[in-house]
């Protein structure tokens, strides 16, 4: 059930991510790699809040700052991986949005596992029951 919640939240967060990316590349004419980084930062803030409260049901406010730190460290590691994969795909795939989509899909399973185990998975962070 947690994975289903994770995927549902990620779909919405991906809308925020892709929407921000398209806005930055089309309206602001930003470089696709820089737009990808900015879009991931915006979507990351959204996803952290929703995953914390909905997906992983973390209720202990005392752990919020440590969870946020772990989440954004993970995001900071994920962004260069995603950007590097996207840059490589841009050499093979024409449209930047498609390269972004493929690189992002490749990261979903990894980020779920990291979120479940290292960010929200500490025993002290779980709600009883």
N, C-alpha and C. Protein backbone atom coordinates (compact mmCIF):
# COMPACT_ATOMS: atom_id res chain seq x y z
N UNK A 1 0.83 -1.20 0.00
CA UNK A 1 0.00 0.00 0.00
C UNK A 1 0.87 1.26 0.00
N UNK A 2 1.99 1.21 0.76
CA UNK A 2 2.86 2.37 0.80
C UNK A 2 3.43 2.71 -0.57
N UNK A 3 3.80 1.66 -1.32
CA UNK A 3 4.35 1.91 -2.65
C UNK A 3 3.30 2.55 -3.55
N UNK A 4 2.04 2.13 -3.44
CA UNK A 4 0.96 2.73 -4.23
C UNK A 4 0.79 4.20 -3.86
N UNK A 5 0.84 4.51 -2.56
CA UNK A 5 0.76 5.91 -2.14
C UNK A 5 1.95 6.69 -2.68
N UNK A 6 3.13 6.07 -2.59
CA UNK A 6 4.35 6.73 -3.08
C UNK A 6 4.22 7.07 -4.56
N UNK A 7 3.76 6.10 -5.34
CA UNK A 7 3.63 6.32 -6.78
C UNK A 7 2.59 7.41 -7.06
N UNK A 8 1.46 7.39 -6.33
CA UNK A 8 0.42 8.41 -6.54
C UNK A 8 0.97 9.81 -6.25
N UNK A 9 1.69 9.95 -5.16
CA UNK A 9 2.28 11.25 -4.83
C UNK A 9 3.32 11.65 -5.87
N UNK A 10 4.11 10.67 -6.30
CA UNK A 10 5.14 10.97 -7.29
C UNK A 10 4.53 11.41 -8.62
N UNK A 11 3.37 10.86 -8.96
CA UNK A 11 2.70 11.27 -10.21
C UNK A 11 2.32 12.75 -10.12
N UNK A 12 1.76 13.15 -8.97
CA UNK A 12 1.40 14.57 -8.79
C UNK A 12 2.67 15.43 -8.74
N UNK A 13 3.66 14.97 -7.99
CA UNK A 13 4.93 15.72 -7.90
C UNK A 13 5.58 15.81 -9.28
N UNK A 14 5.41 14.76 -10.07
CA UNK A 14 5.97 14.80 -11.41
C UNK A 14 5.26 15.84 -12.27
N UNK A 15 3.97 16.02 -12.04
CA UNK A 15 3.26 17.10 -12.73
C UNK A 15 3.83 18.46 -12.38
N UNK A 16 4.16 18.64 -11.11
CA UNK A 16 4.80 19.88 -10.65
C UNK A 16 6.17 20.00 -11.31
N UNK A 17 6.92 18.91 -11.32
CA UNK A 17 8.26 18.88 -11.89
C UNK A 17 8.22 19.19 -13.39
N UNK A 18 7.44 18.43 -14.14
CA UNK A 18 7.38 18.63 -15.59
C UNK A 18 6.77 19.98 -15.94
N UNK A 19 5.74 20.39 -15.20
CA UNK A 19 5.14 21.70 -15.45
C UNK A 19 6.14 22.83 -15.24
N UNK A 20 6.91 22.74 -14.16
CA UNK A 20 7.94 23.75 -13.90
C UNK A 20 9.01 23.71 -14.99
N UNK A 21 9.41 22.51 -15.39
CA UNK A 21 10.41 22.34 -16.44
C UNK A 21 9.94 22.98 -17.75
N UNK A 22 8.71 22.68 -18.14
CA UNK A 22 8.19 23.24 -19.39
C UNK A 22 8.05 24.76 -19.32
N UNK A 23 7.60 25.25 -18.18
CA UNK A 23 7.52 26.70 -18.00
C UNK A 23 8.89 27.35 -18.15
N UNK A 24 9.88 26.76 -17.49
CA UNK A 24 11.23 27.33 -17.53
C UNK A 24 11.85 27.24 -18.93
N UNK A 25 11.64 26.12 -19.62
CA UNK A 25 12.26 25.98 -20.94
C UNK A 25 11.50 26.72 -22.03
N UNK A 26 10.17 26.72 -21.95
CA UNK A 26 9.38 27.36 -23.02
C UNK A 26 9.18 28.85 -22.78
N UNK A 27 8.74 29.21 -21.58
CA UNK A 27 8.43 30.62 -21.32
C UNK A 27 9.67 31.43 -20.98
N UNK A 28 10.57 30.85 -20.20
CA UNK A 28 11.76 31.58 -19.77
C UNK A 28 12.98 31.26 -20.64
N UNK A 29 12.84 30.32 -21.58
CA UNK A 29 13.93 29.91 -22.48
C UNK A 29 15.19 29.49 -21.72
N UNK A 30 14.98 28.81 -20.60
CA UNK A 30 16.11 28.35 -19.79
C UNK A 30 16.75 27.12 -20.43
N UNK A 31 18.02 26.93 -20.16
CA UNK A 31 18.73 25.74 -20.59
C UNK A 31 18.04 24.51 -19.99
N UNK A 32 17.85 23.44 -20.76
CA UNK A 32 17.12 22.27 -20.24
C UNK A 32 17.72 21.67 -18.96
N UNK A 33 19.03 21.64 -18.86
CA UNK A 33 19.65 21.06 -17.66
C UNK A 33 19.37 21.95 -16.44
N UNK A 34 19.51 23.26 -16.58
CA UNK A 34 19.23 24.18 -15.47
C UNK A 34 17.74 24.17 -15.12
N UNK A 35 16.90 24.09 -16.14
CA UNK A 35 15.45 24.01 -15.89
C UNK A 35 15.10 22.73 -15.15
N UNK A 36 15.77 21.64 -15.48
CA UNK A 36 15.55 20.36 -14.80
C UNK A 36 15.92 20.48 -13.32
N UNK A 37 17.02 21.11 -13.03
CA UNK A 37 17.46 21.29 -11.64
C UNK A 37 16.46 22.14 -10.86
N UNK A 38 16.04 23.24 -11.44
CA UNK A 38 15.06 24.11 -10.78
C UNK A 38 13.73 23.43 -10.56
N UNK A 39 13.27 22.71 -11.57
CA UNK A 39 11.99 22.00 -11.47
C UNK A 39 12.04 20.92 -10.40
N UNK A 40 13.16 20.21 -10.32
CA UNK A 40 13.31 19.17 -9.30
C UNK A 40 13.31 19.77 -7.90
N UNK A 41 13.88 20.93 -7.73
CA UNK A 41 13.89 21.59 -6.41
C UNK A 41 12.47 21.94 -5.98
N UNK A 42 11.69 22.50 -6.89
CA UNK A 42 10.30 22.86 -6.58
C UNK A 42 9.49 21.61 -6.27
N UNK A 43 9.58 20.62 -7.12
CA UNK A 43 8.83 19.38 -6.92
C UNK A 43 9.29 18.65 -5.67
N UNK A 44 10.57 18.75 -5.35
CA UNK A 44 11.11 18.10 -4.17
C UNK A 44 10.51 18.65 -2.88
N UNK A 45 10.33 19.96 -2.82
CA UNK A 45 9.70 20.57 -1.64
C UNK A 45 8.27 20.06 -1.48
N UNK A 46 7.54 20.05 -2.57
CA UNK A 46 6.18 19.54 -2.55
C UNK A 46 6.15 18.08 -2.11
N UNK A 47 6.99 17.25 -2.73
CA UNK A 47 6.98 15.81 -2.47
C UNK A 47 7.36 15.50 -1.02
N UNK A 48 8.32 16.22 -0.47
CA UNK A 48 8.71 15.96 0.92
C UNK A 48 7.53 16.12 1.86
N UNK A 49 6.83 17.23 1.72
CA UNK A 49 5.71 17.49 2.62
C UNK A 49 4.61 16.44 2.49
N UNK A 50 4.28 16.07 1.26
CA UNK A 50 3.20 15.11 1.07
C UNK A 50 3.64 13.70 1.46
N UNK A 51 4.86 13.31 1.10
CA UNK A 51 5.34 11.98 1.51
C UNK A 51 5.43 11.86 3.03
N UNK A 52 5.88 12.90 3.67
CA UNK A 52 6.03 12.86 5.13
C UNK A 52 4.69 12.62 5.81
N UNK A 53 3.67 13.34 5.38
CA UNK A 53 2.38 13.26 6.06
C UNK A 53 1.43 12.20 5.51
N UNK A 54 1.49 11.94 4.22
CA UNK A 54 0.53 11.02 3.61
C UNK A 54 1.14 9.64 3.35
N UNK A 55 2.24 9.59 2.62
CA UNK A 55 2.81 8.30 2.23
C UNK A 55 3.36 7.53 3.42
N UNK A 56 4.23 8.18 4.18
CA UNK A 56 4.92 7.49 5.27
C UNK A 56 4.34 7.82 6.64
N UNK A 57 3.32 8.67 6.69
CA UNK A 57 2.56 9.00 7.89
C UNK A 57 3.44 9.33 9.09
N UNK A 58 4.45 10.13 8.87
CA UNK A 58 5.34 10.56 9.95
C UNK A 58 4.63 11.66 10.73
N UNK A 59 4.37 11.42 11.98
CA UNK A 59 3.60 12.38 12.79
C UNK A 59 4.44 13.07 13.86
N UNK A 60 5.62 12.54 14.13
CA UNK A 60 6.46 13.09 15.19
C UNK A 60 7.16 14.34 14.67
N UNK A 61 6.75 15.50 15.16
CA UNK A 61 7.35 16.75 14.71
C UNK A 61 8.80 16.89 15.13
N UNK A 62 9.21 16.16 16.16
CA UNK A 62 10.60 16.22 16.62
C UNK A 62 11.55 15.67 15.57
N UNK A 63 11.07 14.79 14.69
CA UNK A 63 11.93 14.20 13.67
C UNK A 63 11.84 14.91 12.31
N UNK A 64 10.98 15.90 12.21
CA UNK A 64 10.77 16.57 10.91
C UNK A 64 12.04 17.17 10.35
N UNK A 65 12.82 17.83 11.18
CA UNK A 65 14.03 18.48 10.65
C UNK A 65 15.06 17.45 10.20
N UNK A 66 15.20 16.33 10.93
CA UNK A 66 16.16 15.32 10.49
C UNK A 66 15.67 14.62 9.22
N UNK A 67 14.35 14.41 9.11
CA UNK A 67 13.80 13.83 7.88
C UNK A 67 14.01 14.79 6.71
N UNK A 68 13.77 16.06 6.94
CA UNK A 68 13.96 17.05 5.87
C UNK A 68 15.42 17.08 5.42
N UNK A 69 16.32 17.04 6.38
CA UNK A 69 17.75 17.04 6.03
C UNK A 69 18.09 15.82 5.19
N UNK A 70 17.65 14.63 5.61
CA UNK A 70 17.92 13.41 4.85
C UNK A 70 17.27 13.46 3.47
N UNK A 71 16.04 13.99 3.40
CA UNK A 71 15.33 14.06 2.13
C UNK A 71 16.06 14.98 1.15
N UNK A 72 16.46 16.15 1.62
CA UNK A 72 17.08 17.10 0.70
C UNK A 72 18.52 16.73 0.37
N UNK A 73 19.19 15.98 1.24
CA UNK A 73 20.50 15.42 0.88
C UNK A 73 20.31 14.40 -0.23
N UNK A 74 19.28 13.56 -0.08
CA UNK A 74 18.97 12.58 -1.12
C UNK A 74 18.60 13.27 -2.43
N UNK A 75 17.79 14.32 -2.34
CA UNK A 75 17.41 15.08 -3.53
C UNK A 75 18.65 15.71 -4.18
N UNK A 76 19.55 16.24 -3.34
CA UNK A 76 20.78 16.85 -3.86
C UNK A 76 21.65 15.82 -4.58
N UNK A 77 21.60 14.58 -4.13
CA UNK A 77 22.35 13.50 -4.82
C UNK A 77 21.61 13.04 -6.07
N UNK A 78 20.29 13.04 -6.01
CA UNK A 78 19.47 12.56 -7.13
C UNK A 78 19.51 13.53 -8.31
N UNK A 79 19.54 14.82 -8.03
CA UNK A 79 19.50 15.80 -9.13
C UNK A 79 20.67 15.64 -10.10
N UNK A 80 21.92 15.52 -9.62
CA UNK A 80 23.00 15.34 -10.60
C UNK A 80 22.91 14.00 -11.36
N UNK A 81 22.41 12.97 -10.68
CA UNK A 81 22.24 11.68 -11.37
C UNK A 81 21.21 11.84 -12.47
N UNK A 82 20.09 12.45 -12.14
CA UNK A 82 19.03 12.68 -13.13
C UNK A 82 19.52 13.58 -14.26
N UNK A 83 20.22 14.66 -13.90
CA UNK A 83 20.72 15.60 -14.91
C UNK A 83 21.75 14.93 -15.82
N UNK A 84 22.61 14.11 -15.24
CA UNK A 84 23.61 13.42 -16.05
C UNK A 84 22.98 12.43 -17.02
N UNK A 85 22.00 11.68 -16.51
CA UNK A 85 21.30 10.74 -17.39
C UNK A 85 20.54 11.49 -18.48
N UNK A 86 19.90 12.60 -18.07
CA UNK A 86 19.16 13.39 -19.06
C UNK A 86 20.11 13.94 -20.12
N UNK A 87 21.27 14.44 -19.71
CA UNK A 87 22.24 14.98 -20.67
C UNK A 87 22.69 13.90 -21.65
N UNK A 88 22.94 12.69 -21.13
CA UNK A 88 23.32 11.59 -22.00
C UNK A 88 22.20 11.25 -22.98
N UNK A 89 20.97 11.25 -22.48
CA UNK A 89 19.82 10.94 -23.34
C UNK A 89 19.58 12.01 -24.39
N UNK A 90 19.94 13.24 -24.08
CA UNK A 90 19.76 14.32 -25.06
C UNK A 90 20.58 14.09 -26.34
N UNK A 91 21.66 13.32 -26.21
CA UNK A 91 22.46 13.00 -27.39
C UNK A 91 21.77 11.98 -28.28
N UNK A 92 20.87 11.20 -27.68
CA UNK A 92 20.21 10.12 -28.40
C UNK A 92 18.76 10.46 -28.75
N UNK A 93 18.11 11.20 -27.85
CA UNK A 93 16.69 11.51 -27.99
C UNK A 93 16.55 13.00 -28.26
N UNK A 94 15.75 13.35 -29.24
CA UNK A 94 15.60 14.75 -29.62
C UNK A 94 14.94 15.65 -28.59
N UNK A 95 13.66 15.46 -28.29
CA UNK A 95 12.97 16.42 -27.43
C UNK A 95 13.45 16.35 -25.97
N UNK A 96 13.82 17.50 -25.39
CA UNK A 96 14.29 17.51 -24.00
C UNK A 96 13.27 16.95 -23.02
N UNK A 97 11.97 17.19 -23.24
CA UNK A 97 10.96 16.68 -22.31
C UNK A 97 10.96 15.16 -22.27
N UNK A 98 11.23 14.51 -23.41
CA UNK A 98 11.26 13.05 -23.46
C UNK A 98 12.50 12.50 -22.74
N UNK A 99 13.63 13.16 -22.94
CA UNK A 99 14.85 12.75 -22.23
C UNK A 99 14.66 12.90 -20.72
N UNK A 100 14.02 13.98 -20.32
CA UNK A 100 13.74 14.20 -18.90
C UNK A 100 12.82 13.11 -18.37
N UNK A 101 11.77 12.82 -19.09
CA UNK A 101 10.81 11.81 -18.65
C UNK A 101 11.49 10.46 -18.45
N UNK A 102 12.28 10.03 -19.42
CA UNK A 102 12.95 8.73 -19.33
C UNK A 102 13.92 8.70 -18.15
N UNK A 103 14.69 9.76 -17.96
CA UNK A 103 15.64 9.78 -16.85
C UNK A 103 14.91 9.79 -15.51
N UNK A 104 13.79 10.46 -15.43
CA UNK A 104 13.02 10.50 -14.17
C UNK A 104 12.38 9.16 -13.84
N UNK A 105 11.85 8.49 -14.84
CA UNK A 105 11.25 7.17 -14.62
C UNK A 105 12.32 6.21 -14.10
N UNK A 106 13.51 6.31 -14.62
CA UNK A 106 14.60 5.43 -14.19
C UNK A 106 14.95 5.63 -12.71
N UNK A 107 14.64 6.79 -12.16
CA UNK A 107 14.99 7.09 -10.77
C UNK A 107 13.90 6.75 -9.75
N UNK A 108 12.70 6.40 -10.17
CA UNK A 108 11.58 6.22 -9.24
C UNK A 108 11.83 5.10 -8.22
N UNK A 109 12.22 3.93 -8.67
CA UNK A 109 12.42 2.80 -7.74
C UNK A 109 13.53 3.10 -6.74
N UNK A 110 14.60 3.69 -7.21
CA UNK A 110 15.70 4.03 -6.32
C UNK A 110 15.28 5.03 -5.26
N UNK A 111 14.56 6.07 -5.65
CA UNK A 111 14.17 7.08 -4.67
C UNK A 111 13.11 6.57 -3.70
N UNK A 112 12.27 5.64 -4.14
CA UNK A 112 11.31 5.03 -3.21
C UNK A 112 12.06 4.27 -2.12
N UNK A 113 12.99 3.44 -2.52
CA UNK A 113 13.74 2.64 -1.56
C UNK A 113 14.51 3.55 -0.59
N UNK A 114 15.17 4.56 -1.10
CA UNK A 114 15.92 5.47 -0.24
C UNK A 114 14.97 6.19 0.72
N UNK A 115 13.83 6.64 0.23
CA UNK A 115 12.85 7.33 1.08
C UNK A 115 12.32 6.40 2.16
N UNK A 116 11.98 5.20 1.78
CA UNK A 116 11.39 4.25 2.73
C UNK A 116 12.39 3.84 3.80
N UNK A 117 13.62 3.55 3.42
CA UNK A 117 14.60 3.02 4.36
C UNK A 117 15.34 4.11 5.12
N UNK A 118 15.85 5.10 4.43
CA UNK A 118 16.75 6.07 5.07
C UNK A 118 16.10 7.37 5.54
N UNK A 119 15.02 7.77 4.91
CA UNK A 119 14.44 9.07 5.26
C UNK A 119 13.31 8.92 6.27
N UNK A 120 12.32 8.13 5.91
CA UNK A 120 11.14 8.00 6.77
C UNK A 120 11.09 6.67 7.51
N UNK A 121 12.09 5.82 7.33
CA UNK A 121 12.03 4.47 7.86
C UNK A 121 12.59 4.25 9.24
N UNK A 122 13.23 5.23 9.83
CA UNK A 122 13.77 5.04 11.18
C UNK A 122 12.62 4.71 12.12
N UNK A 123 12.80 3.75 13.00
CA UNK A 123 11.75 3.30 13.90
C UNK A 123 11.13 4.46 14.67
N UNK A 124 11.93 5.40 15.09
CA UNK A 124 11.41 6.52 15.88
C UNK A 124 10.50 7.44 15.05
N UNK A 125 10.59 7.34 13.71
CA UNK A 125 9.78 8.20 12.84
C UNK A 125 8.43 7.58 12.51
N UNK A 126 8.22 6.32 12.84
CA UNK A 126 6.97 5.65 12.46
C UNK A 126 5.87 5.88 13.47
N UNK A 127 4.67 5.97 12.96
CA UNK A 127 3.49 6.09 13.80
C UNK A 127 3.17 4.72 14.37
N UNK A 128 2.82 4.63 15.64
CA UNK A 128 2.48 3.32 16.22
C UNK A 128 1.31 2.68 15.48
N UNK A 129 1.41 1.34 15.36
CA UNK A 129 0.28 0.60 14.80
C UNK A 129 0.42 0.19 13.44
